[in-house]
Every structure is written in structure tokens, then in C-alpha cells.
Amino acid sequence: VQKNTIQWPRGLCCLGTSTPFVFGGALGRELEVYSVRDQKHCQTMTVDGLRCLSGSEGSGRTFAASEFSVFAIAPVPYESQLQKLLLSLRIPDALELLNANFGPDDPQRETELRKLHMLAGWSWFVDLQFPVAFQHFGLSDTDIQHLLEFWREWLPPNFPKGPNRPRLPKGVVRPFSSSSSSSATEKGKEGDGGGDSPTTKRNKAALFDFIPSPEPLRDFVTRRLAEKQRAPKETGAAPEKPLKSSAGPTSMEGLSASVAALEDLANSSLATFLLKERAALMGPGRGHQREKEGSS
């Protein structure tokens, strides 16, 4: 694969790497950070009296030394960066971040991509952009039972109750409570991602914190519309130009009309999604069993 040449803005005195970044230091104070994947400039840092750099792939850190001090430069955890992008609905940037951290041959790439689509779907769901949310759900391993809890009033009485919080993907565990034993915290359990440090486990689990707990769809839409209208006033930021489906009028009549329109949009999006996912709803092996019964 052909790569671009990095044009360092100043004369270099030292180089260092910490996947997926490369660092270049100019004698004196400036430290430039570039992406290894696309050679784009990411950041400029200041280290007074910079003399040399040394990478440490095992720890994921790069060490910068001046005449009298040594500084450790650690990248922001992937999960923290991803969460920030998702909450800002910067989905293309989130995909770029994934590409920078999981190359085409990385065995974790497919799992991480499906997880990203699930989280992107919930980001759009919370923003009341239902059609695009369900497009992402269709590319992921979304917990359908948790999703259907927003439509609980329309489900059969004997339909199994879904979890209040979605099931996390394999390899992701919620942080242990303070009452857990220290040995469990350090070692984890077999199959639960126990090889990760407690901090990494917290970062991975925190990605899922913004997924909403189920409530009746109309209540959810009404609450989110009100929150989106209040947000600019509370933060002091200028309101963004609203998307068509999320533009909410101030009158109660208009608000009710917007809620009803968004409900219809959510219902149609769910119906389209479930038609594509009907095999999954039948349960593991049941689709194959029905085929055998029909041929007998």
C-alpha cells in the first residue's frame, strides 16, 4: 500500500512510535504527532528542552526526555475517543478511528466494527433519527430483546421481558463493584475479558453507558424532544440547525404532533428492521428446524 510522505514542519532531532501514531521532535520544545495509517497531523505538544524520544510498544507509551526530566506520553484510550465521537454523532470520524486501530488483517476488526455499528445505532436512536439508527442496528449484534422493550405495550403478554440494560458483546464486562474481591478484580473470570486491566474494562464498559434504559416509546420521544430543546439554553451554545425529524415547536399542540410523527417514523423503521431480522427472532436453530419440518 502506497503511503504519503510526512512533511515534518521543523527539523527533527528524534523520532518515536506508539501504534497507531508516530512522533517527531524538533530540538527545543515542539513534538508533532502523526497518524501512521494516513499520515495526517494529529497534534502538536510542547516539551521544554526536548532531547530524545523512546517508544515502548508493550505499554503503549512513548517517553520524551529533556535535559532534566522524562515525560510519559500515553494515547487517549480507544474506547474514550470512540465514545466522544459517538456522542457527537461523528460516525465517519469514529469509523476512521476504528480503521486506525484495527487494520484489515486484524482478527478483532469485524467484532469491533459490529460493536461500533451497534453504538452508532443507539447514538442516532437517542437523537431520534430512527431510520439511520436502524440501518446501523442491521449491521450489528444489537440486543433485539432490549430494543423491543421500547414497544412493550404492543408485545404479547407472554413475550419474554428484556433486560433493563443491553447485553454487552463478548469480551466486554461491566466494572466489578467495590464489594468484589481483589483477586476477582485483578484476574477476572474465564471468558470475560479477564486479560484486560481494570481500567481497560471500565473504558470498554463505559462505551455502553449512554444506551438508554427501556421506557414506553412515546415517553422516550417526548422526553428527548424536551431535552434537545433545552440543551442550547443550558449550555449557552448556539442551537444547531435542527434535523427535520427532530425540530420541535414550542406549543404543546405542535409538540404532540412532532411526537406522533416521530413515533410513526420509529414504528416503520422497526418494522423494516424486524423483517430483515426475523430469522434471528425465531431463535438459534429454529429456522433450520422449520425447513426440515416443511420438507418432511
Protein backbone atom coordinates (compact mmCIF):
# COMPACT_ATOMS: atom_id res chain seq x y z
CA VAL A 1 0.00 0.00 0.00
CA GLN A 2 1.42 3.34 -1.01
CA LYS A 3 1.82 5.80 1.83
CA ASN A 4 2.19 9.54 1.79
CA THR A 5 5.41 11.19 2.87
CA ILE A 6 5.21 13.04 6.16
CA GLN A 7 6.41 16.60 5.76
CA TRP A 8 7.74 17.49 9.17
CA PRO A 9 7.24 21.24 9.77
CA ARG A 10 10.59 21.66 11.56
CA GLY A 11 13.96 19.97 11.62
CA LEU A 12 13.86 16.69 13.50
CA CYS A 13 16.05 15.70 16.39
CA CYS A 14 14.25 12.46 17.31
CA LEU A 15 11.53 10.01 16.27
CA GLY A 16 9.29 7.61 18.18
CA THR A 17 6.29 5.36 17.54
CA SER A 18 3.34 4.14 19.53
CA THR A 19 0.79 2.41 17.30
CA PRO A 20 -1.13 3.97 15.61
CA PHE A 21 0.97 7.17 15.95
CA VAL A 22 4.43 8.36 15.02
CA PHE A 23 6.11 11.19 16.97
CA GLY A 24 8.69 13.64 15.68
CA GLY A 25 10.52 16.05 17.95
CA ALA A 26 12.16 19.31 16.98
CA LEU A 27 15.14 20.26 19.08
CA GLY A 28 13.93 22.55 21.83
CA ARG A 29 10.23 22.04 22.56
CA GLU A 30 7.85 21.03 19.73
CA LEU A 31 6.61 17.45 19.46
CA GLU A 32 4.48 16.62 16.39
CA VAL A 33 2.13 13.62 16.28
CA TYR A 34 1.03 11.97 13.02
CA SER A 35 -1.22 9.02 12.22
CA VAL A 36 0.63 6.00 10.88
CA ARG A 37 -2.39 4.94 8.82
CA ASP A 38 -2.97 8.05 6.73
CA GLN A 39 -0.01 10.26 7.74
CA LYS A 40 -2.33 13.05 8.88
CA HIS A 41 -1.18 15.54 11.51
CA CYS A 42 -2.99 14.83 14.78
CA GLN A 43 -1.48 17.04 17.46
CA THR A 44 1.35 19.34 18.50
CA MET A 45 2.68 19.11 22.04
CA THR A 46 5.22 21.20 23.89
CA VAL A 47 8.08 19.59 25.82
CA ASP A 48 10.55 22.19 27.02
CA GLY A 49 14.13 21.23 26.31
CA LEU A 50 13.20 18.13 24.28
CA ARG A 51 16.23 15.97 23.53
CA CYS A 52 15.08 12.44 22.61
CA LEU A 53 12.15 10.03 22.27
CA SER A 54 11.81 6.35 23.08
CA GLY A 55 8.80 4.19 22.24
CA SER A 56 7.52 1.31 24.34
CA GLU A 57 5.13 -0.85 22.34
CA GLY A 58 4.39 -3.12 25.26
CA SER A 59 3.00 -0.31 27.41
CA GLY A 60 1.61 1.77 24.53
CA ARG A 61 3.55 4.77 25.80
CA THR A 62 6.25 6.98 24.34
CA PHE A 63 8.84 8.62 26.59
CA ALA A 64 10.17 12.11 25.86
CA ALA A 65 13.29 13.28 27.64
CA SER A 66 14.65 16.74 28.26
CA GLU A 67 17.93 17.56 29.97
CA PHE A 68 16.46 17.16 33.45
CA SER A 69 13.11 15.31 33.05
CA VAL A 70 11.44 12.32 31.42
CA PHE A 71 7.79 12.56 30.32
CA ALA A 72 5.46 9.64 29.52
CA ILE A 73 3.09 10.27 26.62
CA ALA A 74 0.11 7.90 26.65
CA PRO A 75 -2.57 7.89 23.93
CA VAL A 76 -6.17 8.52 24.98
CA PRO A 77 -7.80 5.06 25.21
CA TYR A 78 -9.56 3.98 22.03
CA GLU A 79 -12.84 3.49 23.89
CA SER A 80 -12.77 7.03 25.32
CA GLN A 81 -12.12 8.55 21.91
CA LEU A 82 -14.86 6.42 20.34
CA GLN A 83 -17.42 7.38 22.97
CA LYS A 84 -16.73 11.08 22.48
CA LEU A 85 -17.17 10.79 18.71
CA LEU A 86 -20.36 8.76 19.03
CA LEU A 87 -21.94 11.18 21.48
CA SER A 88 -21.19 13.96 18.98
CA LEU A 89 -22.70 11.84 16.16
CA ARG A 90 -19.39 11.98 14.31
CA ILE A 91 -19.83 8.49 12.90
CA PRO A 92 -17.45 8.86 9.90
CA ASP A 93 -14.71 10.01 12.31
CA ALA A 94 -15.49 7.03 14.54
CA LEU A 95 -15.01 4.71 11.56
CA GLU A 96 -11.70 6.42 10.80
CA LEU A 97 -10.64 5.85 14.40
CA LEU A 98 -11.53 2.18 14.14
CA ASN A 99 -9.56 1.86 10.88
CA ALA A 100 -6.54 3.45 12.55
CA ASN A 101 -6.63 0.98 15.44
CA PHE A 102 -7.77 -2.22 13.69
CA GLY A 103 -6.22 -2.90 10.31
CA PRO A 104 -7.78 -5.07 7.56
CA ASP A 105 -5.96 -8.18 8.81
CA ASP A 106 -6.70 -7.64 12.50
CA PRO A 107 -8.80 -10.58 13.81
CA GLN A 108 -10.64 -8.16 16.13
CA ARG A 109 -11.70 -5.81 13.33
CA GLU A 110 -15.01 -7.47 12.45
CA THR A 111 -16.07 -7.68 16.11
CA GLU A 112 -15.13 -4.04 16.73
CA LEU A 113 -16.90 -2.91 13.55
CA ARG A 114 -20.15 -4.61 14.55
CA LYS A 115 -19.84 -3.10 18.03
CA LEU A 116 -19.30 0.35 16.53
CA HIS A 117 -22.43 -0.02 14.36
CA MET A 118 -24.46 -1.02 17.40
CA LEU A 119 -23.27 2.01 19.36
CA ALA A 120 -23.78 4.31 16.36
CA GLY A 121 -27.32 2.99 16.08
CA TRP A 122 -28.04 3.86 19.70
CA SER A 123 -26.47 7.29 19.22
CA TRP A 124 -28.90 8.03 16.40
CA PHE A 125 -31.77 6.42 18.34
CA VAL A 126 -31.18 8.77 21.26
CA ASP A 127 -31.09 11.66 18.78
CA LEU A 128 -34.47 10.46 17.43
CA GLN A 129 -33.04 9.77 13.97
CA PHE A 130 -34.71 6.38 13.70
CA PRO A 131 -34.19 5.36 10.04
CA VAL A 132 -30.41 5.79 10.19
CA ALA A 133 -30.33 4.23 13.68
CA PHE A 134 -31.92 1.02 12.40
CA GLN A 135 -29.57 0.94 9.42
CA HIS A 136 -26.70 0.67 11.89
CA PHE A 137 -28.60 -1.86 14.02
CA GLY A 138 -28.89 -4.04 10.94
CA LEU A 139 -25.09 -4.16 10.66
CA SER A 140 -24.52 -5.07 14.30
CA ASP A 141 -25.33 -7.56 17.02
CA THR A 142 -27.88 -5.32 18.70
CA ASP A 143 -29.76 -6.86 21.62
CA ILE A 144 -33.17 -7.08 19.94
CA GLN A 145 -34.93 -8.08 23.15
CA HIS A 146 -33.69 -4.90 24.84
CA LEU A 147 -34.71 -2.83 21.81
CA LEU A 148 -38.25 -4.26 21.76
CA GLU A 149 -38.79 -3.15 25.36
CA PHE A 150 -39.47 0.35 23.97
CA TRP A 151 -42.54 -1.24 22.33
CA ARG A 152 -43.51 -3.36 25.36
CA GLU A 153 -47.17 -2.23 25.27
CA TRP A 154 -47.52 -3.74 21.78
CA LEU A 155 -45.90 -7.08 22.62
CA PRO A 156 -47.86 -10.23 23.55
CA PRO A 157 -48.35 -10.62 27.31
CA ASN A 158 -46.20 -13.77 27.36
CA PHE A 159 -43.35 -12.19 25.41
CA PRO A 160 -40.13 -12.57 27.47
CA LYS A 161 -39.14 -9.42 29.30
CA GLY A 162 -35.89 -7.96 28.03
CA PRO A 163 -33.02 -6.68 30.19
CA ASN A 164 -33.11 -3.17 31.61
CA ARG A 165 -29.58 -2.76 30.26
CA PRO A 166 -28.45 -4.32 26.97
CA ARG A 167 -26.31 -7.41 26.98
CA LEU A 168 -22.73 -6.47 26.29
CA PRO A 169 -20.77 -8.05 23.44
CA LYS A 170 -18.49 -10.98 24.18
CA GLY A 171 -15.27 -9.86 25.83
CA VAL A 172 -16.82 -6.72 27.39
CA VAL A 173 -17.75 -6.76 31.07
CA ARG A 174 -19.11 -4.09 33.33
CA PRO A 175 -16.72 -2.98 36.07
CA PHE A 176 -16.70 -5.03 39.24
CA SER A 177 -18.44 -3.43 42.20
CA SER A 178 -16.45 -2.25 45.19
CA SER A 179 -17.61 -5.32 47.09
CA SER A 180 -15.89 -7.69 44.64
CA SER A 181 -12.79 -9.44 45.89
CA SER A 182 -9.43 -8.06 44.85
CA SER A 183 -8.47 -11.37 43.21
CA ALA A 184 -11.56 -11.28 41.00
CA THR A 185 -10.86 -7.70 40.08
CA GLU A 186 -7.33 -8.47 39.01
CA LYS A 187 -7.84 -11.84 37.34
CA GLY A 188 -11.40 -11.59 36.08
CA LYS A 189 -13.31 -14.69 35.06
CA GLU A 190 -12.70 -17.10 32.25
CA GLY A 191 -14.13 -15.75 29.01
CA ASP A 192 -15.00 -12.30 30.38
CA GLY A 193 -12.02 -10.42 29.05
CA GLY A 194 -10.02 -11.15 32.20
CA GLY A 195 -6.79 -10.38 30.38
CA ASP A 196 -7.69 -6.69 30.40
CA SER A 197 -6.69 -4.41 33.23
CA PRO A 198 -9.46 -3.00 35.45
CA THR A 199 -9.01 0.39 33.77
CA THR A 200 -9.43 -1.13 30.30
CA LYS A 201 -12.53 -2.99 31.48
CA ARG A 202 -14.02 0.27 32.76
CA ASN A 203 -13.26 2.02 29.48
CA LYS A 204 -14.86 -0.75 27.43
CA ALA A 205 -17.97 -0.91 29.61
CA ALA A 206 -18.34 2.90 29.71
CA LEU A 207 -18.92 2.84 25.96
CA PHE A 208 -22.35 1.39 26.62
CA ASP A 209 -23.42 3.77 29.38
CA PHE A 210 -25.32 6.11 27.05
CA ILE A 211 -27.59 3.32 25.75
CA PRO A 212 -30.98 4.25 27.24
CA SER A 213 -32.96 2.08 29.58
CA PRO A 214 -36.29 1.00 28.09
CA GLU A 215 -39.41 3.09 28.58
CA PRO A 216 -42.60 3.48 26.52
CA LEU A 217 -41.62 4.87 23.14
CA ARG A 218 -43.92 7.90 23.40
CA ASP A 219 -42.46 8.84 26.80
CA PHE A 220 -38.94 8.41 25.45
CA VAL A 221 -39.58 10.59 22.38
CA THR A 222 -41.36 13.28 24.42
CA ARG A 223 -38.52 13.42 26.96
CA ARG A 224 -35.78 13.52 24.33
CA LEU A 225 -37.53 16.29 22.36
CA ALA A 226 -37.79 18.39 25.51
CA GLU A 227 -34.13 17.73 26.39
CA LYS A 228 -32.96 18.69 22.91
CA GLN A 229 -34.88 21.96 23.08
CA ARG A 230 -33.42 22.80 26.49
CA ALA A 231 -29.84 21.84 25.70
CA PRO A 232 -28.76 25.07 23.90
CA LYS A 233 -30.18 27.23 26.70
CA GLU A 234 -28.48 25.20 29.44
CA THR A 235 -25.06 25.05 27.78
CA GLY A 236 -25.12 28.60 26.44
CA ALA A 237 -24.19 27.27 23.00
CA ALA A 238 -25.89 28.43 19.85
CA PRO A 239 -28.50 25.86 18.81
CA GLU A 240 -27.59 23.79 15.80
CA LYS A 241 -29.84 23.81 12.80
CA PRO A 242 -32.29 21.04 13.72
CA LEU A 243 -32.72 17.97 11.60
CA LYS A 244 -36.12 17.72 10.03
CA SER A 245 -37.36 14.94 12.26
CA SER A 246 -36.09 16.49 15.49
CA ALA A 247 -37.33 20.06 15.04
CA GLY A 248 -39.71 20.64 17.91
CA PRO A 249 -42.20 23.51 18.16
CA THR A 250 -42.78 25.29 21.42
CA SER A 251 -46.56 24.85 21.59
CA MET A 252 -47.98 21.75 23.26
CA GLU A 253 -50.08 21.02 20.18
CA GLY A 254 -47.04 21.22 17.97
CA LEU A 255 -45.02 19.08 20.39
CA SER A 256 -47.70 16.39 20.34
CA ALA A 257 -47.70 16.43 16.55
CA SER A 258 -43.91 16.04 16.48
CA VAL A 259 -44.06 13.17 18.96
CA ALA A 260 -46.69 11.41 16.86
CA ALA A 261 -44.66 11.89 13.68
CA LEU A 262 -41.52 10.53 15.32
CA GLU A 263 -43.45 7.58 16.73
CA ASP A 264 -44.64 6.71 13.23
CA LEU A 265 -41.09 7.02 11.93
CA ALA A 266 -39.78 4.77 14.70
CA ASN A 267 -42.52 2.20 14.13
CA SER A 268 -41.90 1.98 10.39
CA SER A 269 -38.14 1.78 10.94
CA LEU A 270 -38.58 -1.02 13.48
CA ALA A 271 -40.92 -2.94 11.14
CA THR A 272 -38.41 -2.79 8.30
CA PHE A 273 -35.62 -3.85 10.64
CA LEU A 274 -37.55 -6.80 12.08
CA LEU A 275 -38.48 -8.08 8.64
CA LYS A 276 -34.77 -8.36 7.92
CA GLU A 277 -34.03 -9.85 11.32
CA ARG A 278 -36.93 -12.32 11.52
CA ALA A 279 -34.60 -15.30 11.33
CA ALA A 280 -32.80 -14.08 14.46
CA LEU A 281 -36.11 -13.63 16.30
CA MET A 282 -37.02 -17.27 15.64
CA GLY A 283 -34.09 -18.29 17.83
CA PRO A 284 -30.95 -20.37 17.20
CA GLY A 285 -31.66 -23.38 15.01
CA ARG A 286 -35.42 -22.90 14.81
CA GLY A 287 -35.32 -21.58 11.27
CA HIS A 288 -33.44 -24.72 10.20
CA GLN A 289 -35.87 -26.89 12.15
CA ARG A 290 -38.83 -25.35 10.35
CA GLU A 291 -37.20 -26.01 6.99
CA LYS A 292 -36.78 -29.69 7.94
CA GLU A 293 -40.39 -29.94 9.11
CA GLY A 294 -41.63 -28.40 5.87
CA SER A 295 -39.64 -30.85 3.73
CA SER A 296 -40.72 -33.93 5.67
